[in-house]
Protein backbone atom coordinates (compact mmCIF):
# COMPACT_ATOMS: atom_id res chain seq x y z
CA UNK A 1 -2.39 6.29 19.56
CA UNK A 2 -4.09 4.12 17.06
CA UNK A 3 -3.45 0.38 16.80
CA UNK A 4 -0.16 -0.29 15.03
CA UNK A 5 0.41 -2.75 12.23
CA UNK A 6 3.56 -4.19 10.75
CA UNK A 7 5.00 -4.42 7.29
CA UNK A 8 3.37 -7.03 5.12
CA UNK A 9 5.70 -10.07 4.90
CA UNK A 10 5.25 -12.83 2.40
CA UNK A 11 2.56 -15.36 3.34
CA UNK A 12 3.87 -18.62 4.72
CA UNK A 13 1.03 -20.81 3.49
CA UNK A 14 -1.93 -20.74 1.15
CA UNK A 15 -5.46 -20.07 2.39
CA UNK A 16 -7.38 -23.29 3.04
CA UNK A 17 -10.11 -22.18 0.64
CA UNK A 18 -10.24 -19.73 -2.21
CA UNK A 19 -11.26 -16.37 -0.77
CA UNK A 20 -14.09 -14.36 -2.23
CA UNK A 21 -12.82 -12.35 -5.17
CA UNK A 22 -12.24 -8.65 -4.71
CA UNK A 23 -14.37 -6.30 -6.78
CA UNK A 24 -13.25 -5.51 -10.35
CA UNK A 25 -10.38 -3.08 -10.40
CA UNK A 26 -9.55 -3.70 -6.73
CA UNK A 27 -6.29 -2.05 -5.69
CA UNK A 28 -3.72 -4.31 -3.98
CA UNK A 29 -2.70 -2.82 -0.62
CA UNK A 30 0.97 -3.43 -1.25
CA UNK A 31 3.78 -2.30 -3.49
CA UNK A 32 6.30 0.52 -3.64
CA UNK A 33 3.74 3.21 -4.52
CA UNK A 34 2.52 3.23 -0.93
CA UNK A 35 6.09 3.89 0.20
CA UNK A 36 6.95 6.59 -2.31
CA UNK A 37 3.72 8.43 -3.11
CA UNK A 38 0.64 7.16 -1.25
CA UNK A 39 -1.37 10.28 -2.03
CA UNK A 40 -0.98 9.58 -5.75
CA UNK A 41 -2.45 6.13 -5.09
CA UNK A 42 -5.35 7.70 -3.21
CA UNK A 43 -5.98 10.19 -6.04
CA UNK A 44 -6.15 7.33 -8.52
CA UNK A 45 -8.56 5.47 -6.23
CA UNK A 46 -10.85 8.50 -6.05
CA UNK A 47 -10.75 8.91 -9.82
CA UNK A 48 -11.56 5.26 -10.50
CA UNK A 49 -13.87 4.34 -7.61
CA UNK A 50 -14.97 7.41 -5.66
CA UNK A 51 -14.78 7.80 -1.87
CA UNK A 52 -14.99 4.05 -1.13
CA UNK A 53 -12.54 1.89 -3.09
CA UNK A 54 -12.35 -1.90 -3.45
CA UNK A 55 -8.97 -3.19 -2.29
CA UNK A 56 -7.23 -6.53 -2.03
CA UNK A 57 -5.35 -7.60 1.08
CA UNK A 58 -2.34 -9.91 1.12
CA UNK A 59 -3.52 -13.36 0.03
CA UNK A 60 -6.27 -12.01 -2.22
CA UNK A 61 -8.80 -11.17 0.49
CA UNK A 62 -11.29 -8.42 -0.41
CA UNK A 63 -12.02 -5.29 1.61
CA UNK A 64 -13.22 -1.72 1.13
CA UNK A 65 -10.96 1.25 1.80
CA UNK A 66 -12.88 4.33 2.95
CA UNK A 67 -10.93 7.30 1.57
CA UNK A 68 -13.62 10.02 1.67
CA UNK A 69 -13.59 12.29 4.73
CA UNK A 70 -17.39 12.41 5.00
CA UNK A 71 -17.76 8.67 4.41
CA UNK A 72 -15.13 7.84 7.02
CA UNK A 73 -16.90 10.15 9.46
CA UNK A 74 -20.16 8.32 8.69
CA UNK A 75 -18.66 4.85 9.21
CA UNK A 76 -16.95 5.72 12.50
CA UNK A 77 -20.08 7.49 13.81
CA UNK A 78 -22.49 4.60 13.14
CA UNK A 79 -21.55 1.78 15.48
CA UNK A 80 -24.79 -0.07 14.78
CA UNK A 81 -24.38 -0.36 11.01
CA UNK A 82 -20.56 -0.47 11.02
CA UNK A 83 -19.50 -2.02 14.35
CA UNK A 84 -15.92 -2.79 15.21
CA UNK A 85 -16.83 -6.46 15.55
CA UNK A 86 -14.21 -8.59 13.81
CA UNK A 87 -16.36 -11.65 14.43
CA UNK A 88 -18.72 -10.46 11.68
CA UNK A 89 -16.10 -10.80 8.94
CA UNK A 90 -17.37 -12.95 6.09
CA UNK A 91 -13.86 -14.16 5.25
CA UNK A 92 -13.00 -16.05 8.44
CA UNK A 93 -13.49 -19.48 6.86
CA UNK A 94 -10.77 -18.62 4.36
CA UNK A 95 -8.18 -17.09 6.70
CA UNK A 96 -5.16 -19.28 7.54
CA UNK A 97 -3.85 -19.31 11.09
CA UNK A 98 -0.52 -17.85 9.99
CA UNK A 99 -1.93 -15.05 7.83
CA UNK A 100 0.62 -12.22 8.27
CA UNK A 101 -2.03 -9.51 8.67
CA UNK A 102 -3.91 -11.35 11.42
CA UNK A 103 -2.24 -9.36 14.25
CA UNK A 104 -3.35 -6.14 12.58
CA UNK A 105 -6.93 -7.26 11.91
CA UNK A 106 -7.22 -9.14 15.20
CA UNK A 107 -9.54 -11.77 16.60
CA UNK A 108 -12.26 -11.31 19.23
CA UNK A 109 -10.27 -10.96 22.47
CA UNK A 110 -11.03 -9.52 25.94
CA UNK A 111 -9.01 -6.38 25.18
CA UNK A 112 -9.86 -2.73 24.67
CA UNK A 113 -8.69 -2.93 21.04
CA UNK A 114 -10.27 -6.23 20.02
CA UNK A 115 -13.65 -6.07 21.74
CA UNK A 116 -16.84 -4.31 20.68
CA UNK A 117 -20.01 -2.84 22.13
CA UNK A 118 -20.60 -3.18 25.88
CA UNK A 119 -17.43 -5.24 26.32
CA UNK A 120 -15.33 -2.50 24.73
CA UNK A 121 -16.99 0.13 26.90
CA UNK A 122 -16.25 -1.94 30.01
CA UNK A 123 -12.53 -1.94 29.17
CA UNK A 124 -12.60 1.76 28.23
CA UNK A 125 -14.06 2.64 31.65
CA UNK A 126 -10.97 1.13 33.23
CA UNK A 127 -8.24 2.13 30.79
CA UNK A 128 -9.29 5.76 30.22
CA UNK A 129 -9.01 6.93 33.85
CA UNK A 130 -5.82 4.89 34.34
CA UNK A 131 -4.19 6.84 31.51
CA UNK A 132 -5.74 10.13 32.57
CA UNK A 133 -4.21 9.70 36.03
CA UNK A 134 -0.70 10.15 34.65
CA UNK A 135 0.71 13.53 35.74
CA UNK A 136 1.49 15.66 32.63
CA UNK A 137 4.48 17.25 34.35
CA UNK A 138 5.83 13.85 35.29
CA UNK A 139 5.38 12.61 31.72
CA UNK A 140 7.35 15.59 30.44
CA UNK A 141 10.04 14.99 33.07
CA UNK A 142 10.35 11.34 32.00
CA UNK A 143 10.61 12.45 28.35
CA UNK A 144 13.34 15.00 29.11
CA UNK A 145 15.40 12.53 31.16
CA UNK A 146 15.12 9.70 28.64
CA UNK A 147 15.64 11.95 25.61
CA UNK A 148 18.82 13.32 27.21
CA UNK A 149 19.99 9.76 27.91
CA UNK A 150 19.48 8.74 24.26
CA UNK A 151 21.19 11.87 22.96
CA UNK A 152 24.11 11.37 25.37
CA UNK A 153 24.76 8.02 23.70
CA UNK A 154 25.45 9.67 20.31
CA UNK A 155 26.17 13.37 20.86
CA UNK A 156 29.96 13.11 21.07
CA UNK A 157 30.37 11.30 17.74
CA UNK A 158 28.67 13.87 15.47
CA UNK A 159 26.49 11.39 13.54
CA UNK A 160 23.35 9.40 14.32
CA UNK A 161 20.43 7.58 12.81
CA UNK A 162 17.58 9.48 14.42
CA UNK A 163 15.09 6.66 13.84
CA UNK A 164 17.10 3.88 15.48
CA UNK A 165 18.90 6.03 18.06
CA UNK A 166 16.07 8.31 19.14
CA UNK A 167 12.61 8.21 17.53
CA UNK A 168 11.90 4.51 18.04
CA UNK A 169 13.31 3.96 21.55
CA UNK A 170 12.01 7.16 23.19
CA UNK A 171 8.23 6.45 23.18
CA UNK A 172 8.51 2.89 24.45
CA UNK A 173 10.98 3.85 27.20
CA UNK A 174 8.57 6.54 28.41
CA UNK A 175 5.56 4.22 28.14
CA UNK A 176 7.40 1.49 30.03
CA UNK A 177 7.88 3.90 32.93
CA UNK A 178 4.27 5.05 32.81
CA UNK A 179 2.82 1.55 32.98
CA UNK A 180 5.17 0.68 35.84
CA UNK A 181 8.26 -1.10 34.50
CA UNK A 182 11.66 -0.34 36.04
CA UNK A 183 14.12 1.25 33.63
CA UNK A 184 16.21 -1.91 33.33
CA UNK A 185 13.27 -3.64 31.58
CA UNK A 186 12.56 -0.75 29.22
CA UNK A 187 15.29 -1.73 26.74
CA UNK A 188 13.93 -5.28 26.40
CA UNK A 189 10.37 -3.98 25.96
CA UNK A 190 11.69 -1.73 23.18
CA UNK A 191 13.39 -4.70 21.46
CA UNK A 192 10.26 -6.85 21.81
CA UNK A 193 8.10 -4.21 20.15
CA UNK A 194 10.66 -3.70 17.38
CA UNK A 195 10.62 -7.46 16.67
CA UNK A 196 6.82 -7.38 16.61
CA UNK A 197 6.72 -4.40 14.26
CA UNK A 198 9.22 -5.97 11.86
CA UNK A 199 6.78 -8.85 11.32
CA UNK A 200 9.64 -11.28 10.71
CA UNK A 201 10.26 -14.84 11.92
CA UNK A 202 10.86 -13.63 15.45
CA UNK A 203 7.49 -11.89 15.77
CA UNK A 204 5.66 -14.82 17.38
CA UNK A 205 8.39 -15.33 19.97
CA UNK A 206 8.43 -11.59 20.63
CA UNK A 207 4.67 -11.64 21.22
CA UNK A 208 5.12 -14.36 23.85
CA UNK A 209 7.91 -12.37 25.55
CA UNK A 210 5.71 -9.28 25.50
CA UNK A 211 2.92 -11.18 27.24
CA UNK A 212 5.31 -12.55 29.86
CA UNK A 213 6.56 -9.03 30.65
CA UNK A 214 2.97 -7.92 31.24
CA UNK A 215 2.08 -10.96 33.36
CA UNK A 216 5.05 -10.29 35.64
CA UNK A 217 4.14 -6.61 35.82
CA UNK A 218 0.53 -7.35 36.86
CA UNK A 219 1.76 -9.72 39.58
CA UNK A 220 4.34 -7.21 40.83
CA UNK A 221 1.87 -4.32 41.00
CA UNK A 222 -0.76 -6.43 42.70
CA UNK A 223 1.83 -7.19 45.40
CA UNK A 224 3.19 -3.64 45.59
CA UNK A 225 1.06 -0.92 43.91
CA UNK A 226 2.65 2.33 42.77
CA UNK A 227 1.84 5.55 40.95
CA UNK A 228 1.46 4.00 37.52
CA UNK A 229 -1.10 2.94 34.91
CA UNK A 230 -1.06 -0.74 35.92
CA UNK A 231 -1.73 -0.01 39.60
CA UNK A 232 -4.62 2.31 38.69
CA UNK A 233 -6.11 -0.39 36.45
CA UNK A 234 -5.85 -2.96 39.25
CA UNK A 235 -7.54 -0.54 41.66
CA UNK A 236 -10.55 -0.03 39.36
CA UNK A 237 -13.67 -1.34 41.14
CA UNK A 238 -14.98 -3.55 38.32
CA UNK A 239 -13.65 -7.12 38.11
CA UNK A 240 -11.19 -8.08 35.37
CA UNK A 241 -9.13 -11.21 34.86
CA UNK A 242 -5.33 -11.24 34.75
CA UNK A 243 -5.57 -12.02 31.03
CA UNK A 244 -7.67 -8.90 30.49
CA UNK A 245 -5.21 -6.71 32.40
CA UNK A 246 -2.34 -8.24 30.43
CA UNK A 247 -4.02 -7.76 27.03
CA UNK A 248 -5.01 -4.17 27.80
CA UNK A 249 -1.47 -3.32 28.91
CA UNK A 250 -0.07 -4.90 25.76
CA UNK A 251 -2.53 -2.88 23.67
CA UNK A 252 -1.70 0.40 25.43
CA UNK A 253 2.04 -0.05 25.03
CA UNK A 254 2.03 -1.40 21.48
CA UNK A 255 -0.44 1.19 20.20
CA UNK A 256 1.61 4.04 21.59
CA UNK A 257 4.99 2.83 20.40
CA UNK A 258 5.46 2.86 16.63
CA UNK A 259 2.77 5.45 15.90
CA UNK A 260 4.41 7.96 18.26
CA UNK A 261 7.87 7.04 16.94
CA UNK A 262 6.68 7.74 13.40
CA UNK A 263 5.07 11.00 14.50
CA UNK A 264 8.47 12.11 15.83
CA UNK A 265 10.43 10.92 12.79
CA UNK A 266 7.94 12.30 10.24
CA UNK A 267 8.04 15.68 11.99
CA UNK A 268 11.84 15.70 12.01
CA UNK A 269 11.88 14.65 8.38
CA UNK A 270 9.64 17.62 7.53
CA UNK A 271 11.92 19.98 9.41
CA UNK A 272 15.08 18.60 7.81
CA UNK A 273 13.89 18.21 4.21
CA UNK A 274 11.36 21.00 3.54
CA UNK A 275 13.42 24.16 3.14
CA UNK A 276 10.42 26.49 3.37
CA UNK A 277 9.29 24.92 6.62
CA UNK A 278 12.80 24.89 8.07
CA UNK A 279 13.26 28.56 7.18
CA UNK A 280 9.95 29.52 8.77
CA UNK A 281 10.91 27.68 11.97
CA UNK A 282 14.30 29.39 12.03
CA UNK A 283 12.55 32.74 11.62
CA UNK A 284 10.13 32.00 14.45
CA UNK A 285 7.11 31.91 12.15
CA UNK A 286 6.38 28.24 12.88
CA UNK A 287 6.83 25.99 15.87
CA UNK A 288 7.44 22.33 16.67
CA UNK A 289 3.73 22.00 17.46
CA UNK A 290 2.81 23.29 13.99
CA UNK A 291 5.18 20.83 12.33
CA UNK A 292 3.64 17.99 14.33
CA UNK A 293 0.10 19.04 13.41
CA UNK A 294 1.00 19.37 9.75
CA UNK A 295 2.34 15.82 9.82
CA UNK A 296 -1.01 14.59 11.18
CA UNK A 297 -2.68 16.11 8.12
CA UNK A 298 -0.17 15.33 5.39
CA UNK A 299 1.94 12.41 6.60
CA UNK A 300 0.00 10.79 9.44
CA UNK A 301 1.69 7.73 10.96
CA UNK A 302 -1.43 5.55 10.77
CA UNK A 303 -2.47 5.65 7.12
CA UNK A 304 -4.93 2.75 7.22
CA UNK A 305 -6.66 1.27 10.25
CA UNK A 306 -8.64 -1.94 10.54
CA UNK A 307 -11.45 -1.89 10.76
CA UNK A 308 -15.20 -1.94 10.73
CA UNK A 309 -17.50 -4.71 9.51
CA UNK A 310 -20.91 -4.17 7.92
CA UNK A 311 -23.74 -5.52 10.08
CA UNK A 312 -26.05 -5.82 7.05
CA UNK A 313 -26.14 -5.10 3.32
CA UNK A 314 -25.95 -1.37 2.68
CA UNK A 315 -24.69 1.38 0.37
CA UNK A 316 -21.72 3.61 1.05
CA UNK A 317 -20.06 6.12 -1.24
CA UNK A 318 -21.79 4.62 -4.27
CA UNK A 319 -20.62 1.09 -3.48
CA UNK A 320 -22.74 -1.92 -2.54
CA UNK A 321 -21.45 -3.21 0.79
CA UNK A 322 -22.49 -6.73 1.83
CA UNK A 323 -23.03 -7.95 5.38
CA UNK A 324 -19.72 -9.00 6.91
CA UNK A 325 -17.56 -7.00 4.48
CA UNK A 326 -14.47 -5.42 6.01
CA UNK A 327 -14.11 -1.65 5.81
CA UNK A 328 -10.62 -0.26 6.31
CA UNK A 329 -10.36 3.31 7.58
CA UNK A 330 -8.19 5.34 5.20
CA UNK A 331 -7.15 7.98 7.71
CA UNK A 332 -4.32 9.35 5.58
CA UNK A 333 -6.46 9.49 2.45
CA UNK A 334 -9.41 11.13 4.22
CA UNK A 335 -7.14 13.87 5.57
CA UNK A 336 -6.22 14.83 2.00
CA UNK A 337 -9.75 14.50 0.57
CA UNK A 338 -10.18 17.50 -1.78
CA UNK A 339 -13.69 18.07 -0.40
CA UNK A 340 -12.35 18.78 3.08
CA UNK A 341 -9.20 20.56 1.94
CA UNK A 342 -11.15 23.16 -0.02
CA UNK A 343 -13.21 23.92 3.08
CA UNK A 344 -10.11 24.90 5.03
CA UNK A 345 -9.34 28.58 4.83
CA UNK A 346 -6.87 29.13 2.02
CA UNK A 347 -6.77 25.41 1.29
CA UNK A 348 -3.05 25.20 2.05
CA UNK A 349 -0.73 23.59 4.53
CA UNK A 350 -0.64 26.63 6.78
CA UNK A 351 -4.41 26.52 7.17
CA UNK A 352 -4.27 22.85 7.98
CA UNK A 353 -1.57 23.45 10.52
CA UNK A 354 -4.06 25.38 12.63
CA UNK A 355 -6.89 22.89 12.34
CA UNK A 356 -7.58 19.97 14.64
CA UNK A 357 -10.21 18.38 12.39
CA UNK A 358 -7.83 15.73 11.05
CA UNK A 359 -8.67 12.04 11.47
CA UNK A 360 -5.17 10.92 12.45
CA UNK A 361 -6.51 9.47 15.72
CA UNK A 362 -9.62 8.06 14.00
CA UNK A 363 -13.09 9.19 15.12
CA UNK A 364 -16.08 8.05 17.09
CA UNK A 365 -16.38 5.64 19.99
CA UNK A 366 -13.29 3.65 19.05
CA UNK A 367 -10.96 6.54 18.36
CA UNK A 368 -7.71 6.77 20.27
CA UNK A 369 -8.67 7.74 23.85
CA UNK A 370 -8.06 11.43 24.51
CA UNK A 371 -5.65 10.81 27.44
CA UNK A 372 -3.58 8.58 25.14
CA UNK A 373 -3.50 11.32 22.50
CA UNK A 374 -2.21 13.78 25.10
CA UNK A 375 0.49 11.36 26.24
CA UNK A 376 1.61 10.76 22.64
CA UNK A 377 1.68 14.51 21.94
CA UNK A 378 3.73 15.18 25.08
CA UNK A 379 6.25 12.46 24.24
CA UNK A 380 6.64 13.59 20.62
CA UNK A 381 6.80 17.32 21.30
CA UNK A 382 9.12 17.09 24.30
CA UNK A 383 11.42 14.67 22.51
CA UNK A 384 11.74 16.92 19.47
CA UNK A 385 12.30 20.04 21.60
CA UNK A 386 15.05 18.37 23.64
CA UNK A 387 16.71 17.03 20.48
CA UNK A 388 16.71 20.42 18.73
CA UNK A 389 17.96 22.15 21.87
CA UNK A 390 20.83 19.69 22.33
CA UNK A 391 21.72 19.31 18.64
CA UNK A 392 20.63 22.55 16.93
CA UNK A 393 22.59 22.08 13.69
CA UNK A 394 21.17 18.73 12.54
CA UNK A 395 21.73 18.09 8.85
CA UNK A 396 20.85 15.10 6.66
CA UNK A 397 23.78 12.88 5.65
CA UNK A 398 21.97 11.51 2.57
CA UNK A 399 19.94 12.93 -0.27
CA UNK A 400 16.22 13.29 0.41
CA UNK A 401 15.55 10.85 -2.44
CA UNK A 402 17.55 8.18 -0.59
CA UNK A 403 15.33 8.21 2.49
CA UNK A 404 13.31 4.99 2.61
CA UNK A 405 9.76 4.64 3.90
CA UNK A 406 8.50 1.58 5.78
CA UNK A 407 7.18 -1.02 3.28
CA UNK A 408 3.59 -0.87 4.51
CA UNK A 409 0.33 0.61 3.28
CA UNK A 410 -0.86 0.78 6.88
CA UNK A 411 1.88 2.73 8.67
CA UNK A 412 3.81 5.70 7.32
CA UNK A 413 7.30 6.06 8.70
CA UNK A 414 10.92 6.43 7.69
CA UNK A 415 13.16 3.41 8.20
CA UNK A 416 16.27 5.56 8.76
CA UNK A 417 17.08 9.24 9.20
CA UNK A 418 20.90 9.63 9.10
CA UNK A 419 22.13 13.03 10.31
CA UNK A 420 25.35 14.86 11.13
CA UNK A 421 25.86 17.59 13.71
CA UNK A 422 28.58 19.34 15.67
CA UNK A 423 29.76 16.93 18.42
CA UNK A 424 28.81 18.08 21.92
CA UNK A 425 29.41 16.94 25.49
CA UNK A 426 27.03 14.63 27.30
CA UNK A 427 24.82 16.07 30.04
CA UNK A 428 27.08 14.41 32.62
CA UNK A 429 30.29 16.04 31.32
CA UNK A 430 31.74 18.94 33.31
CA UNK A 431 31.41 22.26 31.54
């Protein structure tokens, strides 16, 4: 579960100073091409710039996008030369307080996602075991119960928007249970995270509500511990402040929400729109797990992840990188790097489907923790299996060309997935 980012809204003010100019030919990280055909954008970047491309962030701020598989592996493996230390960024003097991408880039905070070095490792020692302590069978049980509940809400009417009605709410409802929230708070947590992801005028207020939820949760679990992630974090022997617990819980929940939702929706989109894949599933030649793995190669939810910052002047992929430059991790681009694709047996999608060498969860010390990956995989796979079992004749209600992707270069997801199906009874109906 890599750190999520939101769509890029229009800036609300001008930077206080002129930012450093991006390199000649820098590619703006915005525009419809990232929605419709991001891999065509990446191919053009490789042609014009090689494996490390100059890009321009909203507001004109320069960065480097690492799109080569080997170069991304190098950056994420060398924490000394390319640390995840946002404080090194050489653009801070130019960044306005209300810059829309600030939540995605982050500021130095006592959190597992916005700390570096020893401080990051301190948080990881607490968070990793707390996540690992979740019972896989209990996670699957939560997924089955909550997936059935969501399907019950739409199954009798014969139509649904799978994104709004299923893919987006399921992960956060499961995560809310895992961290220790009662079910009656799960719906509000889901709405808070949707408001945050939308990046609109309500995002700041949603962030405050999100923090308040976590503060109350920490207080409640300190008074009455349970079998949940929060209680296990509080029981960890090293000392942490309430702010640190709160920020880590916010990071865990937010990082697992939209990325897992997009993993579910992108997998369902593949099953519903690619006739060859659908036929092979119907014939038993492919499985839900193979569809999910293919999505991580071809259509990974986190396309671009911030970031790393150069500790000193260096060279990378033929580009001159200056101290303090931001390097964005082009996870989606690296997964389709021709140099790695040709090394996979057969070079095709079926070969990729059996390979776990993708970079969808990033790589190195700061990659998505393995227990979090397992939780995300369980939520996505169980949710899809329950949905296909309950509604086996799903069919798109619109043309494939009318499906709209999220307007972001950073996250890859479908905004809506309208389907029709034969109406069925709810699980509570008598047979």
